[in-house]
Amino acid sequence: MKQAATRIEDSEYELFQKTAANIGTTTADVLRMFIYSFNDHHGFPYPVQSRRMEVQAFETEEEATRFATDLAQEAMK
């Protein structure tokens, strides 16, 4: 068996432990269930989004075009 590990902020981990306990499971079991579901779905089993994300608009159309062009060229490498 392999072990999966990651680093997160202390406050996020404390909330993770509390939430897992509130639904009657452990953080280890939550991660195990997530990994199985992730693999079964060949990716995230739900839409990936965050209410914490901040969207910043480009200042100009030229900046947006340059960003999209650079991203597309990077993807084609």
N, C-alpha and C. Protein backbone atom coordinates (compact mmCIF):
# COMPACT_ATOMS: atom_id res chain seq x y z
N MET A 1 0.84 -1.19 0.00
CA MET A 1 0.00 0.00 0.00
C MET A 1 0.88 1.25 0.00
N LYS A 2 0.37 2.30 -0.61
CA LYS A 2 1.06 3.59 -0.64
C LYS A 2 0.36 4.56 0.30
N GLN A 3 1.07 5.59 0.71
CA GLN A 3 0.50 6.62 1.57
C GLN A 3 0.48 7.93 0.80
N ALA A 4 -0.65 8.65 0.82
CA ALA A 4 -0.78 9.95 0.17
C ALA A 4 -0.77 11.03 1.25
N ALA A 5 -0.01 12.09 1.01
CA ALA A 5 0.09 13.17 2.00
C ALA A 5 0.14 14.52 1.30
N THR A 6 -0.29 15.54 1.99
CA THR A 6 -0.22 16.90 1.48
C THR A 6 -0.10 17.86 2.65
N ARG A 7 0.21 19.10 2.35
CA ARG A 7 0.29 20.14 3.39
C ARG A 7 -0.83 21.14 3.17
N ILE A 8 -1.50 21.51 4.26
CA ILE A 8 -2.54 22.53 4.21
C ILE A 8 -2.41 23.43 5.43
N GLU A 9 -3.07 24.56 5.37
CA GLU A 9 -3.05 25.49 6.50
C GLU A 9 -3.63 24.84 7.75
N ASP A 10 -3.12 25.22 8.90
CA ASP A 10 -3.60 24.66 10.17
C ASP A 10 -5.11 24.81 10.32
N SER A 11 -5.61 25.99 9.99
CA SER A 11 -7.05 26.24 10.15
C SER A 11 -7.88 25.34 9.23
N GLU A 12 -7.38 25.07 8.02
CA GLU A 12 -8.10 24.17 7.11
C GLU A 12 -8.11 22.75 7.64
N TYR A 13 -7.00 22.31 8.21
CA TYR A 13 -6.94 20.96 8.75
C TYR A 13 -7.87 20.80 9.96
N GLU A 14 -7.89 21.81 10.82
CA GLU A 14 -8.77 21.75 11.98
C GLU A 14 -10.23 21.66 11.55
N LEU A 15 -10.61 22.43 10.53
CA LEU A 15 -11.97 22.37 10.01
C LEU A 15 -12.23 21.00 9.37
N PHE A 16 -11.24 20.47 8.67
CA PHE A 16 -11.34 19.15 8.04
C PHE A 16 -11.61 18.08 9.10
N GLN A 17 -10.84 18.09 10.19
CA GLN A 17 -11.03 17.13 11.27
C GLN A 17 -12.42 17.25 11.88
N LYS A 18 -12.83 18.49 12.14
CA LYS A 18 -14.13 18.72 12.76
C LYS A 18 -15.26 18.26 11.84
N THR A 19 -15.16 18.59 10.55
CA THR A 19 -16.21 18.21 9.60
C THR A 19 -16.29 16.69 9.46
N ALA A 20 -15.14 16.03 9.37
CA ALA A 20 -15.13 14.57 9.28
C ALA A 20 -15.77 13.94 10.51
N ALA A 21 -15.41 14.43 11.69
CA ALA A 21 -15.98 13.90 12.93
C ALA A 21 -17.49 14.14 12.97
N ASN A 22 -17.93 15.30 12.49
CA ASN A 22 -19.37 15.62 12.50
C ASN A 22 -20.19 14.67 11.63
N ILE A 23 -19.57 14.11 10.59
CA ILE A 23 -20.32 13.15 9.76
C ILE A 23 -19.99 11.70 10.12
N GLY A 24 -19.26 11.52 11.23
CA GLY A 24 -19.01 10.19 11.77
C GLY A 24 -17.89 9.42 11.11
N THR A 25 -16.88 10.12 10.61
CA THR A 25 -15.76 9.41 9.98
C THR A 25 -14.45 10.09 10.38
N THR A 26 -13.37 9.59 9.82
CA THR A 26 -12.05 10.15 10.11
C THR A 26 -11.50 10.85 8.87
N THR A 27 -10.49 11.68 9.08
CA THR A 27 -9.86 12.36 7.94
C THR A 27 -9.22 11.34 6.99
N ALA A 28 -8.65 10.28 7.54
CA ALA A 28 -8.04 9.25 6.70
C ALA A 28 -9.09 8.58 5.81
N ASP A 29 -10.25 8.27 6.38
CA ASP A 29 -11.31 7.66 5.59
C ASP A 29 -11.87 8.62 4.54
N VAL A 30 -11.97 9.91 4.89
CA VAL A 30 -12.44 10.90 3.91
C VAL A 30 -11.49 10.93 2.71
N LEU A 31 -10.19 10.99 2.98
CA LEU A 31 -9.22 11.02 1.88
C LEU A 31 -9.29 9.74 1.05
N ARG A 32 -9.42 8.60 1.72
CA ARG A 32 -9.52 7.33 1.01
C ARG A 32 -10.76 7.31 0.11
N MET A 33 -11.90 7.76 0.65
CA MET A 33 -13.14 7.80 -0.14
C MET A 33 -12.99 8.74 -1.33
N PHE A 34 -12.35 9.89 -1.09
CA PHE A 34 -12.16 10.84 -2.19
C PHE A 34 -11.30 10.23 -3.29
N ILE A 35 -10.21 9.58 -2.92
CA ILE A 35 -9.32 8.99 -3.92
C ILE A 35 -10.05 7.94 -4.74
N TYR A 36 -10.82 7.06 -4.09
CA TYR A 36 -11.58 6.05 -4.83
C TYR A 36 -12.57 6.71 -5.79
N SER A 37 -13.29 7.70 -5.31
CA SER A 37 -14.26 8.38 -6.15
C SER A 37 -13.58 9.12 -7.30
N PHE A 38 -12.46 9.80 -7.01
CA PHE A 38 -11.70 10.51 -8.03
C PHE A 38 -11.27 9.54 -9.13
N ASN A 39 -10.75 8.39 -8.74
CA ASN A 39 -10.31 7.40 -9.72
C ASN A 39 -11.48 6.82 -10.50
N ASP A 40 -12.58 6.52 -9.83
CA ASP A 40 -13.76 5.97 -10.51
C ASP A 40 -14.31 6.93 -11.56
N HIS A 41 -14.21 8.23 -11.29
CA HIS A 41 -14.75 9.24 -12.21
C HIS A 41 -13.70 9.76 -13.20
N HIS A 42 -12.49 9.22 -13.12
CA HIS A 42 -11.39 9.70 -13.97
C HIS A 42 -11.18 11.19 -13.79
N GLY A 43 -11.28 11.65 -12.58
CA GLY A 43 -11.13 13.06 -12.25
C GLY A 43 -12.08 13.42 -11.12
N PHE A 44 -12.29 14.70 -10.96
CA PHE A 44 -13.15 15.15 -9.87
C PHE A 44 -14.58 14.65 -10.05
N PRO A 45 -15.20 14.15 -8.99
CA PRO A 45 -16.57 13.65 -9.08
C PRO A 45 -17.62 14.77 -8.94
N TYR A 46 -17.18 16.01 -9.10
CA TYR A 46 -18.05 17.17 -8.95
C TYR A 46 -17.40 18.34 -9.67
N PRO A 47 -18.16 19.38 -9.97
CA PRO A 47 -17.55 20.56 -10.59
C PRO A 47 -16.55 21.20 -9.62
N VAL A 48 -15.40 21.56 -10.12
CA VAL A 48 -14.36 22.16 -9.29
C VAL A 48 -14.51 23.67 -9.31
N GLN A 49 -14.80 24.20 -8.14
CA GLN A 49 -14.93 25.65 -7.99
C GLN A 49 -14.73 26.00 -6.53
N SER A 50 -14.49 27.25 -6.27
CA SER A 50 -14.29 27.70 -4.90
C SER A 50 -15.00 29.01 -4.69
N ARG A 51 -15.69 29.11 -3.59
CA ARG A 51 -16.33 30.39 -3.26
C ARG A 51 -15.30 31.42 -2.84
N ARG A 52 -14.08 30.95 -2.58
CA ARG A 52 -13.02 31.85 -2.15
C ARG A 52 -12.23 32.44 -3.31
N MET A 53 -12.46 31.92 -4.51
CA MET A 53 -11.71 32.41 -5.65
C MET A 53 -12.02 33.87 -5.94
N GLU A 54 -10.99 34.59 -6.26
CA GLU A 54 -11.16 35.97 -6.67
C GLU A 54 -10.86 36.05 -8.16
N VAL A 55 -11.80 36.53 -8.92
CA VAL A 55 -11.61 36.67 -10.35
C VAL A 55 -11.16 38.09 -10.64
N GLN A 56 -10.06 38.19 -11.34
CA GLN A 56 -9.55 39.51 -11.69
C GLN A 56 -9.60 39.66 -13.20
N ALA A 57 -10.31 40.66 -13.64
CA ALA A 57 -10.44 40.91 -15.07
C ALA A 57 -9.13 41.46 -15.62
N PHE A 58 -8.90 41.20 -16.90
CA PHE A 58 -7.74 41.79 -17.57
C PHE A 58 -8.01 43.28 -17.74
N GLU A 59 -6.95 44.06 -17.67
CA GLU A 59 -7.12 45.51 -17.80
C GLU A 59 -7.44 45.92 -19.23
N THR A 60 -6.90 45.17 -20.19
CA THR A 60 -7.15 45.51 -21.60
C THR A 60 -7.43 44.24 -22.38
N GLU A 61 -8.02 44.41 -23.54
CA GLU A 61 -8.26 43.28 -24.43
C GLU A 61 -6.93 42.72 -24.92
N GLU A 62 -5.96 43.59 -25.12
CA GLU A 62 -4.63 43.16 -25.56
C GLU A 62 -4.00 42.23 -24.52
N GLU A 63 -4.13 42.57 -23.25
CA GLU A 63 -3.59 41.73 -22.18
C GLU A 63 -4.27 40.36 -22.18
N ALA A 64 -5.58 40.34 -22.37
CA ALA A 64 -6.33 39.08 -22.40
C ALA A 64 -5.90 38.23 -23.60
N THR A 65 -5.73 38.87 -24.75
CA THR A 65 -5.32 38.16 -25.95
C THR A 65 -3.91 37.58 -25.79
N ARG A 66 -3.01 38.36 -25.22
CA ARG A 66 -1.64 37.90 -24.99
C ARG A 66 -1.64 36.69 -24.04
N PHE A 67 -2.44 36.77 -22.98
CA PHE A 67 -2.53 35.66 -22.03
C PHE A 67 -3.05 34.40 -22.72
N ALA A 68 -4.13 34.53 -23.49
CA ALA A 68 -4.72 33.37 -24.17
C ALA A 68 -3.76 32.79 -25.19
N THR A 69 -3.05 33.64 -25.91
CA THR A 69 -2.08 33.18 -26.90
C THR A 69 -0.94 32.42 -26.24
N ASP A 70 -0.40 32.99 -25.17
CA ASP A 70 0.69 32.33 -24.45
C ASP A 70 0.24 30.99 -23.88
N LEU A 71 -0.96 30.94 -23.34
CA LEU A 71 -1.49 29.70 -22.78
C LEU A 71 -1.66 28.65 -23.87
N ALA A 72 -2.20 29.05 -25.02
CA ALA A 72 -2.40 28.11 -26.14
C ALA A 72 -1.05 27.60 -26.65
N GLN A 73 -0.08 28.48 -26.77
CA GLN A 73 1.24 28.04 -27.26
C GLN A 73 1.90 27.09 -26.27
N GLU A 74 1.72 27.35 -24.99
CA GLU A 74 2.28 26.46 -23.97
C GLU A 74 1.62 25.09 -24.04
N ALA A 75 0.32 25.06 -24.29
CA ALA A 75 -0.41 23.79 -24.36
C ALA A 75 0.00 22.96 -25.57
N MET A 76 0.45 23.62 -26.63
CA MET A 76 0.84 22.91 -27.85
C MET A 76 2.25 22.35 -27.80
N LYS A 77 3.01 22.68 -26.79
CA LYS A 77 4.40 22.17 -26.68
C LYS A 77 4.42 20.71 -26.35
